[in-house]
Amino acid sequence: QRWGIHYLLAIHHPDSEREPISQDQFPGIHHFDELIFDSQDAAD
């Protein structure tokens, strides 16, 4: 972010054997199915 990359996305659940990480500094997702829907809309 300091360097200037415009779009940033965090992963909330990096370790499947641990509890998800709670943070509100960056937008985030738990799993990539949350993005597939958006990207398929773009393809359409």
ModelCIF file with pLDDT and N, C-alpha, C, O atoms, coordinates in Angstrom:
data_MODEL
#
_entry.id   MODEL 
#
_entity.id                         1 
_entity.type                       polymer 
_entity.pdbx_number_of_molecules   1 
#
_entity_poly.entity_id                      1 
_entity_poly.type                           'polypeptide(L)' 
_entity_poly.nstd_linkage                   no 
_entity_poly.nstd_monomer                   no 
_entity_poly.pdbx_seq_one_letter_code       QRWGIHYLLAIHHPDSEREPISQDQFPGIHHFDELIFDSQDAAD 
_entity_poly.pdbx_seq_one_letter_code_can   QRWGIHYLLAIHHPDSEREPISQDQFPGIHHFDELIFDSQDAAD 
_entity_poly.pdbx_strand_id                 A 
#
loop_
_entity_poly_seq.entity_id 
_entity_poly_seq.num 
_entity_poly_seq.mon_id 
_entity_poly_seq.hetero 
1 1  GLN n 
1 2  ARG n 
1 3  TRP n 
1 4  GLY n 
1 5  ILE n 
1 6  HIS n 
1 7  TYR n 
1 8  LEU n 
1 9  LEU n 
1 10 ALA n 
1 11 ILE n 
1 12 HIS n 
1 13 HIS n 
1 14 PRO n 
1 15 ASP n 
1 16 SER n 
1 17 GLU n 
1 18 ARG n 
1 19 GLU n 
1 20 PRO n 
1 21 ILE n 
1 22 SER n 
1 23 GLN n 
1 24 ASP n 
1 25 GLN n 
1 26 PHE n 
1 27 PRO n 
1 28 GLY n 
1 29 ILE n 
1 30 HIS n 
1 31 HIS n 
1 32 PHE n 
1 33 ASP n 
1 34 GLU n 
1 35 LEU n 
1 36 ILE n 
1 37 PHE n 
1 38 ASP n 
1 39 SER n 
1 40 GLN n 
1 41 ASP n 
1 42 ALA n 
1 43 ALA n 
1 44 ASP n 
#
_struct_asym.id          A 
_struct_asym.entity_id   1 
#
loop_
_ma_qa_metric.id 
_ma_qa_metric.mode 
_ma_qa_metric.name 
_ma_qa_metric.software_group_id 
_ma_qa_metric.type 
1 global pLDDT . pLDDT 
2 local  pLDDT . pLDDT 
#
_ma_qa_metric_global.metric_id      1 
_ma_qa_metric_global.metric_value   88.25 
_ma_qa_metric_global.model_id       1 
_ma_qa_metric_global.ordinal_id     1 
#
loop_
_ma_qa_metric_local.label_asym_id 
_ma_qa_metric_local.label_comp_id 
_ma_qa_metric_local.label_seq_id 
_ma_qa_metric_local.metric_id 
_ma_qa_metric_local.metric_value 
_ma_qa_metric_local.model_id 
_ma_qa_metric_local.ordinal_id 
A GLN 1  2 98.00 1 1  
A ARG 2  2 98.00 1 2  
A TRP 3  2 98.00 1 3  
A GLY 4  2 98.00 1 4  
A ILE 5  2 98.00 1 5  
A HIS 6  2 96.00 1 6  
A TYR 7  2 97.00 1 7  
A LEU 8  2 97.00 1 8  
A LEU 9  2 97.00 1 9  
A ALA 10 2 97.00 1 10 
A ILE 11 2 97.00 1 11 
A HIS 12 2 96.00 1 12 
A HIS 13 2 96.00 1 13 
A PRO 14 2 98.00 1 14 
A ASP 15 2 97.00 1 15 
A SER 16 2 97.00 1 16 
A GLU 17 2 95.00 1 17 
A ARG 18 2 96.00 1 18 
A GLU 19 2 94.00 1 19 
A PRO 20 2 93.00 1 20 
A ILE 21 2 90.00 1 21 
A SER 22 2 87.00 1 22 
A GLN 23 2 87.00 1 23 
A ASP 24 2 88.00 1 24 
A GLN 25 2 93.00 1 25 
A PHE 26 2 95.00 1 26 
A PRO 27 2 95.00 1 27 
A GLY 28 2 95.00 1 28 
A ILE 29 2 95.00 1 29 
A HIS 30 2 95.00 1 30 
A HIS 31 2 95.00 1 31 
A PHE 32 2 95.00 1 32 
A ASP 33 2 94.00 1 33 
A GLU 34 2 93.00 1 34 
A LEU 35 2 92.00 1 35 
A ILE 36 2 84.00 1 36 
A PHE 37 2 67.00 1 37 
A ASP 38 2 66.00 1 38 
A SER 39 2 62.00 1 39 
A GLN 40 2 59.00 1 40 
A ASP 41 2 59.00 1 41 
A ALA 42 2 54.00 1 42 
A ALA 43 2 54.00 1 43 
A ASP 44 2 56.00 1 44 
#
loop_
_atom_site.group_PDB 
_atom_site.id 
_atom_site.type_symbol 
_atom_site.label_atom_id 
_atom_site.label_alt_id 
_atom_site.label_comp_id 
_atom_site.label_asym_id 
_atom_site.label_entity_id 
_atom_site.label_seq_id 
_atom_site.pdbx_PDB_ins_code 
_atom_site.Cartn_x 
_atom_site.Cartn_y 
_atom_site.Cartn_z 
_atom_site.occupancy 
_atom_site.B_iso_or_equiv 
_atom_site.pdbx_formal_charge 
_atom_site.auth_seq_id 
_atom_site.auth_comp_id 
_atom_site.auth_asym_id 
_atom_site.auth_atom_id 
_atom_site.pdbx_PDB_model_num 
ATOM 1   N N  . GLN A 1 1  ? 0.835   -1.205  0.000   1.00 98.00 ? 1  GLN A N  1 
ATOM 2   C CA . GLN A 1 1  ? 0.000   0.000   0.000   1.00 98.00 ? 1  GLN A CA 1 
ATOM 3   C C  . GLN A 1 1  ? 0.869   1.254   0.000   1.00 98.00 ? 1  GLN A C  1 
ATOM 4   O O  . GLN A 1 1  ? 0.595   2.198   -0.741  1.00 98.00 ? 1  GLN A O  1 
ATOM 5   N N  . ARG A 1 2  ? 1.912   1.269   0.827   1.00 98.00 ? 2  ARG A N  1 
ATOM 6   C CA . ARG A 1 2  ? 2.819   2.419   0.858   1.00 98.00 ? 2  ARG A CA 1 
ATOM 7   C C  . ARG A 1 2  ? 3.494   2.612   -0.490  1.00 98.00 ? 2  ARG A C  1 
ATOM 8   O O  . ARG A 1 2  ? 3.725   3.742   -0.921  1.00 98.00 ? 2  ARG A O  1 
ATOM 9   N N  . TRP A 1 3  ? 3.809   1.515   -1.149  1.00 98.00 ? 3  TRP A N  1 
ATOM 10  C CA . TRP A 1 3  ? 4.505   1.579   -2.423  1.00 98.00 ? 3  TRP A CA 1 
ATOM 11  C C  . TRP A 1 3  ? 3.575   2.025   -3.547  1.00 98.00 ? 3  TRP A C  1 
ATOM 12  O O  . TRP A 1 3  ? 4.035   2.554   -4.559  1.00 98.00 ? 3  TRP A O  1 
ATOM 13  N N  . GLY A 1 4  ? 2.285   1.818   -3.379  1.00 98.00 ? 4  GLY A N  1 
ATOM 14  C CA . GLY A 1 4  ? 1.354   2.349   -4.363  1.00 98.00 ? 4  GLY A CA 1 
ATOM 15  C C  . GLY A 1 4  ? 0.519   1.352   -5.132  1.00 98.00 ? 4  GLY A C  1 
ATOM 16  O O  . GLY A 1 4  ? -0.154  1.739   -6.088  1.00 98.00 ? 4  GLY A O  1 
ATOM 17  N N  . ILE A 1 5  ? 0.533   0.063   -4.752  1.00 98.00 ? 5  ILE A N  1 
ATOM 18  C CA . ILE A 1 5  ? -0.362  -0.887  -5.413  1.00 98.00 ? 5  ILE A CA 1 
ATOM 19  C C  . ILE A 1 5  ? -1.798  -0.543  -5.036  1.00 98.00 ? 5  ILE A C  1 
ATOM 20  O O  . ILE A 1 5  ? -2.123  -0.404  -3.857  1.00 98.00 ? 5  ILE A O  1 
ATOM 21  N N  . HIS A 1 6  ? -2.648  -0.407  -6.039  1.00 96.00 ? 6  HIS A N  1 
ATOM 22  C CA . HIS A 1 6  ? -3.972  0.168   -5.827  1.00 96.00 ? 6  HIS A CA 1 
ATOM 23  C C  . HIS A 1 6  ? -4.962  -0.807  -5.192  1.00 96.00 ? 6  HIS A C  1 
ATOM 24  O O  . HIS A 1 6  ? -5.694  -0.440  -4.273  1.00 96.00 ? 6  HIS A O  1 
ATOM 25  N N  . TYR A 1 7  ? -4.984  -2.039  -5.677  1.00 97.00 ? 7  TYR A N  1 
ATOM 26  C CA . TYR A 1 7  ? -5.973  -3.006  -5.196  1.00 97.00 ? 7  TYR A CA 1 
ATOM 27  C C  . TYR A 1 7  ? -5.300  -4.010  -4.255  1.00 97.00 ? 7  TYR A C  1 
ATOM 28  O O  . TYR A 1 7  ? -4.329  -4.671  -4.624  1.00 97.00 ? 7  TYR A O  1 
ATOM 29  N N  . LEU A 1 8  ? -5.826  -4.110  -3.051  1.00 97.00 ? 8  LEU A N  1 
ATOM 30  C CA . LEU A 1 8  ? -5.240  -4.976  -2.025  1.00 97.00 ? 8  LEU A CA 1 
ATOM 31  C C  . LEU A 1 8  ? -6.340  -5.818  -1.390  1.00 97.00 ? 8  LEU A C  1 
ATOM 32  O O  . LEU A 1 8  ? -7.430  -5.325  -1.100  1.00 97.00 ? 8  LEU A O  1 
ATOM 33  N N  . LEU A 1 9  ? -6.036  -7.091  -1.181  1.00 97.00 ? 9  LEU A N  1 
ATOM 34  C CA . LEU A 1 9  ? -7.030  -8.014  -0.639  1.00 97.00 ? 9  LEU A CA 1 
ATOM 35  C C  . LEU A 1 9  ? -6.349  -8.964  0.337   1.00 97.00 ? 9  LEU A C  1 
ATOM 36  O O  . LEU A 1 9  ? -5.321  -9.561  0.019   1.00 97.00 ? 9  LEU A O  1 
ATOM 37  N N  . ALA A 1 10 ? -6.931  -9.100  1.533   1.00 97.00 ? 10 ALA A N  1 
ATOM 38  C CA . ALA A 1 10 ? -6.369  -9.970  2.566   1.00 97.00 ? 10 ALA A CA 1 
ATOM 39  C C  . ALA A 1 10 ? -7.079  -11.320 2.579   1.00 97.00 ? 10 ALA A C  1 
ATOM 40  O O  . ALA A 1 10 ? -8.219  -11.447 2.130   1.00 97.00 ? 10 ALA A O  1 
ATOM 41  N N  . ILE A 1 11 ? -6.382  -12.320 3.102   1.00 97.00 ? 11 ILE A N  1 
ATOM 42  C CA . ILE A 1 11 ? -6.951  -13.647 3.310   1.00 97.00 ? 11 ILE A CA 1 
ATOM 43  C C  . ILE A 1 11 ? -7.275  -13.797 4.794   1.00 97.00 ? 11 ILE A C  1 
ATOM 44  O O  . ILE A 1 11 ? -6.400  -13.646 5.647   1.00 97.00 ? 11 ILE A O  1 
ATOM 45  N N  . HIS A 1 12 ? -8.534  -14.093 5.092   1.00 96.00 ? 12 HIS A N  1 
ATOM 46  C CA . HIS A 1 12 ? -8.960  -14.204 6.488   1.00 96.00 ? 12 HIS A CA 1 
ATOM 47  C C  . HIS A 1 12 ? -8.679  -15.576 7.105   1.00 96.00 ? 12 HIS A C  1 
ATOM 48  O O  . HIS A 1 12 ? -8.596  -15.691 8.328   1.00 96.00 ? 12 HIS A O  1 
ATOM 49  N N  . HIS A 1 13 ? -8.533  -16.617 6.280   1.00 96.00 ? 13 HIS A N  1 
ATOM 50  C CA . HIS A 1 13 ? -8.428  -17.975 6.819   1.00 96.00 ? 13 HIS A CA 1 
ATOM 51  C C  . HIS A 1 13 ? -7.249  -18.717 6.181   1.00 96.00 ? 13 HIS A C  1 
ATOM 52  O O  . HIS A 1 13 ? -7.451  -19.679 5.440   1.00 96.00 ? 13 HIS A O  1 
ATOM 53  N N  . PRO A 1 14 ? -6.016  -18.274 6.467   1.00 98.00 ? 14 PRO A N  1 
ATOM 54  C CA . PRO A 1 14 ? -4.845  -18.858 5.802   1.00 98.00 ? 14 PRO A CA 1 
ATOM 55  C C  . PRO A 1 14 ? -4.540  -20.292 6.220   1.00 98.00 ? 14 PRO A C  1 
ATOM 56  O O  . PRO A 1 14 ? -4.021  -21.073 5.422   1.00 98.00 ? 14 PRO A O  1 
ATOM 57  N N  . ASP A 1 15 ? -4.861  -20.646 7.474   1.00 97.00 ? 15 ASP A N  1 
ATOM 58  C CA . ASP A 1 15 ? -4.570  -21.979 8.015   1.00 97.00 ? 15 ASP A CA 1 
ATOM 59  C C  . ASP A 1 15 ? -5.890  -22.687 8.285   1.00 97.00 ? 15 ASP A C  1 
ATOM 60  O O  . ASP A 1 15 ? -6.675  -22.247 9.124   1.00 97.00 ? 15 ASP A O  1 
ATOM 61  N N  . SER A 1 16 ? -6.133  -23.786 7.571   1.00 97.00 ? 16 SER A N  1 
ATOM 62  C CA . SER A 1 16 ? -7.414  -24.489 7.688   1.00 97.00 ? 16 SER A CA 1 
ATOM 63  C C  . SER A 1 16 ? -7.629  -25.102 9.071   1.00 97.00 ? 16 SER A C  1 
ATOM 64  O O  . SER A 1 16 ? -8.759  -25.427 9.434   1.00 97.00 ? 16 SER A O  1 
ATOM 65  N N  . GLU A 1 17 ? -6.548  -25.262 9.847   1.00 95.00 ? 17 GLU A N  1 
ATOM 66  C CA . GLU A 1 17 ? -6.653  -25.879 11.169  1.00 95.00 ? 17 GLU A CA 1 
ATOM 67  C C  . GLU A 1 17 ? -6.756  -24.845 12.291  1.00 95.00 ? 17 GLU A C  1 
ATOM 68  O O  . GLU A 1 17 ? -6.799  -25.203 13.468  1.00 95.00 ? 17 GLU A O  1 
ATOM 69  N N  . ARG A 1 18 ? -6.796  -23.563 11.923  1.00 96.00 ? 18 ARG A N  1 
ATOM 70  C CA . ARG A 1 18 ? -6.896  -22.500 12.930  1.00 96.00 ? 18 ARG A CA 1 
ATOM 71  C C  . ARG A 1 18 ? -8.106  -21.624 12.655  1.00 96.00 ? 18 ARG A C  1 
ATOM 72  O O  . ARG A 1 18 ? -8.708  -21.679 11.583  1.00 96.00 ? 18 ARG A O  1 
ATOM 73  N N  . GLU A 1 19 ? -8.442  -20.828 13.635  1.00 94.00 ? 19 GLU A N  1 
ATOM 74  C CA . GLU A 1 19 ? -9.567  -19.912 13.488  1.00 94.00 ? 19 GLU A CA 1 
ATOM 75  C C  . GLU A 1 19 ? -9.215  -18.801 12.483  1.00 94.00 ? 19 GLU A C  1 
ATOM 76  O O  . GLU A 1 19 ? -8.048  -18.427 12.365  1.00 94.00 ? 19 GLU A O  1 
ATOM 77  N N  . PRO A 1 20 ? -10.207 -18.275 11.765  1.00 93.00 ? 20 PRO A N  1 
ATOM 78  C CA . PRO A 1 20 ? -9.953  -17.155 10.846  1.00 93.00 ? 20 PRO A CA 1 
ATOM 79  C C  . PRO A 1 20 ? -9.379  -15.952 11.582  1.00 93.00 ? 20 PRO A C  1 
ATOM 80  O O  . PRO A 1 20 ? -9.579  -15.780 12.784  1.00 93.00 ? 20 PRO A O  1 
ATOM 81  N N  . ILE A 1 21 ? -8.663  -15.129 10.831  1.00 90.00 ? 21 ILE A N  1 
ATOM 82  C CA . ILE A 1 21 ? -8.064  -13.903 11.366  1.00 90.00 ? 21 ILE A CA 1 
ATOM 83  C C  . ILE A 1 21 ? -9.056  -12.756 11.224  1.00 90.00 ? 21 ILE A C  1 
ATOM 84  O O  . ILE A 1 21 ? -9.647  -12.566 10.160  1.00 90.00 ? 21 ILE A O  1 
ATOM 85  N N  . SER A 1 22 ? -9.234  -12.004 12.286  1.00 87.00 ? 22 SER A N  1 
ATOM 86  C CA . SER A 1 22 ? -10.143 -10.854 12.253  1.00 87.00 ? 22 SER A CA 1 
ATOM 87  C C  . SER A 1 22 ? -9.334  -9.573  12.085  1.00 87.00 ? 22 SER A C  1 
ATOM 88  O O  . SER A 1 22 ? -8.457  -9.271  12.895  1.00 87.00 ? 22 SER A O  1 
ATOM 89  N N  . GLN A 1 23 ? -9.634  -8.829  11.037  1.00 87.00 ? 23 GLN A N  1 
ATOM 90  C CA . GLN A 1 23 ? -8.977  -7.541  10.811  1.00 87.00 ? 23 GLN A CA 1 
ATOM 91  C C  . GLN A 1 23 ? -9.891  -6.697  9.933   1.00 87.00 ? 23 GLN A C  1 
ATOM 92  O O  . GLN A 1 23 ? -10.663 -7.229  9.135   1.00 87.00 ? 23 GLN A O  1 
ATOM 93  N N  . ASP A 1 24 ? -9.800  -5.385  10.082  1.00 88.00 ? 24 ASP A N  1 
ATOM 94  C CA . ASP A 1 24 ? -10.634 -4.500  9.267   1.00 88.00 ? 24 ASP A CA 1 
ATOM 95  C C  . ASP A 1 24 ? -9.796  -3.454  8.537   1.00 88.00 ? 24 ASP A C  1 
ATOM 96  O O  . ASP A 1 24 ? -10.318 -2.451  8.050   1.00 88.00 ? 24 ASP A O  1 
ATOM 97  N N  . GLN A 1 25 ? -8.490  -3.705  8.469   1.00 93.00 ? 25 GLN A N  1 
ATOM 98  C CA . GLN A 1 25 ? -7.589  -2.759  7.807   1.00 93.00 ? 25 GLN A CA 1 
ATOM 99  C C  . GLN A 1 25 ? -7.701  -2.834  6.287   1.00 93.00 ? 25 GLN A C  1 
ATOM 100 O O  . GLN A 1 25 ? -7.611  -1.821  5.593   1.00 93.00 ? 25 GLN A O  1 
ATOM 101 N N  . PHE A 1 26 ? -7.900  -4.061  5.781   1.00 95.00 ? 26 PHE A N  1 
ATOM 102 C CA . PHE A 1 26 ? -7.998  -4.282  4.342   1.00 95.00 ? 26 PHE A CA 1 
ATOM 103 C C  . PHE A 1 26 ? -9.239  -5.122  4.042   1.00 95.00 ? 26 PHE A C  1 
ATOM 104 O O  . PHE A 1 26 ? -9.642  -5.943  4.866   1.00 95.00 ? 26 PHE A O  1 
ATOM 105 N N  . PRO A 1 27 ? -9.848  -4.926  2.869   1.00 95.00 ? 27 PRO A N  1 
ATOM 106 C CA . PRO A 1 27 ? -10.910 -5.837  2.473   1.00 95.00 ? 27 PRO A CA 1 
ATOM 107 C C  . PRO A 1 27 ? -10.329 -7.245  2.354   1.00 95.00 ? 27 PRO A C  1 
ATOM 108 O O  . PRO A 1 27 ? -9.154  -7.414  2.029   1.00 95.00 ? 27 PRO A O  1 
ATOM 109 N N  . GLY A 1 28 ? -11.158 -8.246  2.617   1.00 95.00 ? 28 GLY A N  1 
ATOM 110 C CA . GLY A 1 28 ? -10.623 -9.601  2.587   1.00 95.00 ? 28 GLY A CA 1 
ATOM 111 C C  . GLY A 1 28 ? -11.662 -10.645 2.245   1.00 95.00 ? 28 GLY A C  1 
ATOM 112 O O  . GLY A 1 28 ? -12.858 -10.367 2.163   1.00 95.00 ? 28 GLY A O  1 
ATOM 113 N N  . ILE A 1 29 ? -11.168 -11.857 2.049   1.00 95.00 ? 29 ILE A N  1 
ATOM 114 C CA . ILE A 1 29 ? -12.027 -12.999 1.750   1.00 95.00 ? 29 ILE A CA 1 
ATOM 115 C C  . ILE A 1 29 ? -11.582 -14.178 2.614   1.00 95.00 ? 29 ILE A C  1 
ATOM 116 O O  . ILE A 1 29 ? -10.447 -14.217 3.088   1.00 95.00 ? 29 ILE A O  1 
ATOM 117 N N  . HIS A 1 30 ? -12.483 -15.134 2.812   1.00 95.00 ? 30 HIS A N  1 
ATOM 118 C CA . HIS A 1 30 ? -12.115 -16.384 3.457   1.00 95.00 ? 30 HIS A CA 1 
ATOM 119 C C  . HIS A 1 30 ? -11.600 -17.367 2.412   1.00 95.00 ? 30 HIS A C  1 
ATOM 120 O O  . HIS A 1 30 ? -10.542 -17.972 2.588   1.00 95.00 ? 30 HIS A O  1 
ATOM 121 N N  . HIS A 1 31 ? -12.359 -17.523 1.314   1.00 95.00 ? 31 HIS A N  1 
ATOM 122 C CA . HIS A 1 31 ? -11.971 -18.457 0.265   1.00 95.00 ? 31 HIS A CA 1 
ATOM 123 C C  . HIS A 1 31 ? -12.229 -17.832 -1.102  1.00 95.00 ? 31 HIS A C  1 
ATOM 124 O O  . HIS A 1 31 ? -12.959 -16.848 -1.222  1.00 95.00 ? 31 HIS A O  1 
ATOM 125 N N  . PHE A 1 32 ? -11.621 -18.419 -2.129  1.00 95.00 ? 32 PHE A N  1 
ATOM 126 C CA . PHE A 1 32 ? -11.643 -17.805 -3.454  1.00 95.00 ? 32 PHE A CA 1 
ATOM 127 C C  . PHE A 1 32 ? -12.964 -17.946 -4.191  1.00 95.00 ? 32 PHE A C  1 
ATOM 128 O O  . PHE A 1 32 ? -13.158 -17.309 -5.226  1.00 95.00 ? 32 PHE A O  1 
ATOM 129 N N  . ASP A 1 33 ? -13.870 -18.760 -3.686  1.00 94.00 ? 33 ASP A N  1 
ATOM 130 C CA . ASP A 1 33 ? -15.187 -18.809 -4.327  1.00 94.00 ? 33 ASP A CA 1 
ATOM 131 C C  . ASP A 1 33 ? -15.897 -17.465 -4.225  1.00 94.00 ? 33 ASP A C  1 
ATOM 132 O O  . ASP A 1 33 ? -16.806 -17.182 -5.006  1.00 94.00 ? 33 ASP A O  1 
ATOM 133 N N  . GLU A 1 34 ? -15.485 -16.631 -3.262  1.00 93.00 ? 34 GLU A N  1 
ATOM 134 C CA . GLU A 1 34 ? -16.062 -15.297 -3.121  1.00 93.00 ? 34 GLU A CA 1 
ATOM 135 C C  . GLU A 1 34 ? -15.667 -14.395 -4.283  1.00 93.00 ? 34 GLU A C  1 
ATOM 136 O O  . GLU A 1 34 ? -16.356 -13.417 -4.574  1.00 93.00 ? 34 GLU A O  1 
ATOM 137 N N  . LEU A 1 35 ? -14.557 -14.717 -4.950  1.00 92.00 ? 35 LEU A N  1 
ATOM 138 C CA . LEU A 1 35 ? -14.091 -13.911 -6.083  1.00 92.00 ? 35 LEU A CA 1 
ATOM 139 C C  . LEU A 1 35 ? -14.478 -14.502 -7.430  1.00 92.00 ? 35 LEU A C  1 
ATOM 140 O O  . LEU A 1 35 ? -14.615 -13.774 -8.414  1.00 92.00 ? 35 LEU A O  1 
ATOM 141 N N  . ILE A 1 36 ? -14.654 -15.820 -7.479  1.00 84.00 ? 36 ILE A N  1 
ATOM 142 C CA . ILE A 1 36 ? -14.965 -16.461 -8.753  1.00 84.00 ? 36 ILE A CA 1 
ATOM 143 C C  . ILE A 1 36 ? -16.258 -15.910 -9.337  1.00 84.00 ? 36 ILE A C  1 
ATOM 144 O O  . ILE A 1 36 ? -16.360 -15.700 -10.545 1.00 84.00 ? 36 ILE A O  1 
ATOM 145 N N  . PHE A 1 37 ? -17.241 -15.678 -8.480  1.00 67.00 ? 37 PHE A N  1 
ATOM 146 C CA . PHE A 1 37 ? -18.529 -15.151 -8.950  1.00 67.00 ? 37 PHE A CA 1 
ATOM 147 C C  . PHE A 1 37 ? -18.343 -13.790 -9.613  1.00 67.00 ? 37 PHE A C  1 
ATOM 148 O O  . PHE A 1 37 ? -18.899 -13.535 -10.681 1.00 67.00 ? 37 PHE A O  1 
ATOM 149 N N  . ASP A 1 38 ? -17.558 -12.913 -8.975  1.00 66.00 ? 38 ASP A N  1 
ATOM 150 C CA . ASP A 1 38 ? -17.307 -11.583 -9.542  1.00 66.00 ? 38 ASP A CA 1 
ATOM 151 C C  . ASP A 1 38 ? -16.576 -11.677 -10.875 1.00 66.00 ? 38 ASP A C  1 
ATOM 152 O O  . ASP A 1 38 ? -16.916 -10.979 -11.831 1.00 66.00 ? 38 ASP A O  1 
ATOM 153 N N  . SER A 1 39 ? -15.570 -12.544 -10.930 1.00 62.00 ? 39 SER A N  1 
ATOM 154 C CA . SER A 1 39 ? -14.776 -12.647 -12.151 1.00 62.00 ? 39 SER A CA 1 
ATOM 155 C C  . SER A 1 39 ? -15.567 -13.265 -13.283 1.00 62.00 ? 39 SER A C  1 
ATOM 156 O O  . SER A 1 39 ? -15.374 -12.900 -14.442 1.00 62.00 ? 39 SER A O  1 
ATOM 157 N N  . GLN A 1 40 ? -16.457 -14.198 -12.970 1.00 59.00 ? 40 GLN A N  1 
ATOM 158 C CA . GLN A 1 40 ? -17.304 -14.771 -14.019 1.00 59.00 ? 40 GLN A CA 1 
ATOM 159 C C  . GLN A 1 40 ? -18.288 -13.727 -14.565 1.00 59.00 ? 40 GLN A C  1 
ATOM 160 O O  . GLN A 1 40 ? -18.606 -13.725 -15.754 1.00 59.00 ? 40 GLN A O  1 
ATOM 161 N N  . ASP A 1 41 ? -18.761 -12.847 -13.684 1.00 59.00 ? 41 ASP A N  1 
ATOM 162 C CA . ASP A 1 41 ? -19.603 -11.734 -14.151 1.00 59.00 ? 41 ASP A CA 1 
ATOM 163 C C  . ASP A 1 41 ? -18.835 -10.862 -15.136 1.00 59.00 ? 41 ASP A C  1 
ATOM 164 O O  . ASP A 1 41 ? -19.371 -10.439 -16.160 1.00 59.00 ? 41 ASP A O  1 
ATOM 165 N N  . ALA A 1 42 ? -17.558 -10.598 -14.808 1.00 54.00 ? 42 ALA A N  1 
ATOM 166 C CA . ALA A 1 42 ? -16.731 -9.785  -15.703 1.00 54.00 ? 42 ALA A CA 1 
ATOM 167 C C  . ALA A 1 42 ? -16.553 -10.469 -17.051 1.00 54.00 ? 42 ALA A C  1 
ATOM 168 O O  . ALA A 1 42 ? -16.582 -9.815  -18.094 1.00 54.00 ? 42 ALA A O  1 
ATOM 169 N N  . ALA A 1 43 ? -16.369 -11.784 -17.028 1.00 54.00 ? 43 ALA A N  1 
ATOM 170 C CA . ALA A 1 43 ? -16.208 -12.521 -18.279 1.00 54.00 ? 43 ALA A CA 1 
ATOM 171 C C  . ALA A 1 43 ? -17.486 -12.446 -19.114 1.00 54.00 ? 43 ALA A C  1 
ATOM 172 O O  . ALA A 1 43 ? -17.425 -12.318 -20.337 1.00 54.00 ? 43 ALA A O  1 
ATOM 173 N N  . ASP A 1 44 ? -18.637 -12.526 -18.456 1.00 56.00 ? 44 ASP A N  1 
ATOM 174 C CA . ASP A 1 44 ? -19.914 -12.450 -19.155 1.00 56.00 ? 44 ASP A CA 1 
ATOM 175 C C  . ASP A 1 44 ? -20.100 -11.090 -19.816 1.00 56.00 ? 44 ASP A C  1 
ATOM 176 O O  . ASP A 1 44 ? -21.125 -10.848 -20.453 1.00 56.00 ? 44 ASP A O  1 
#
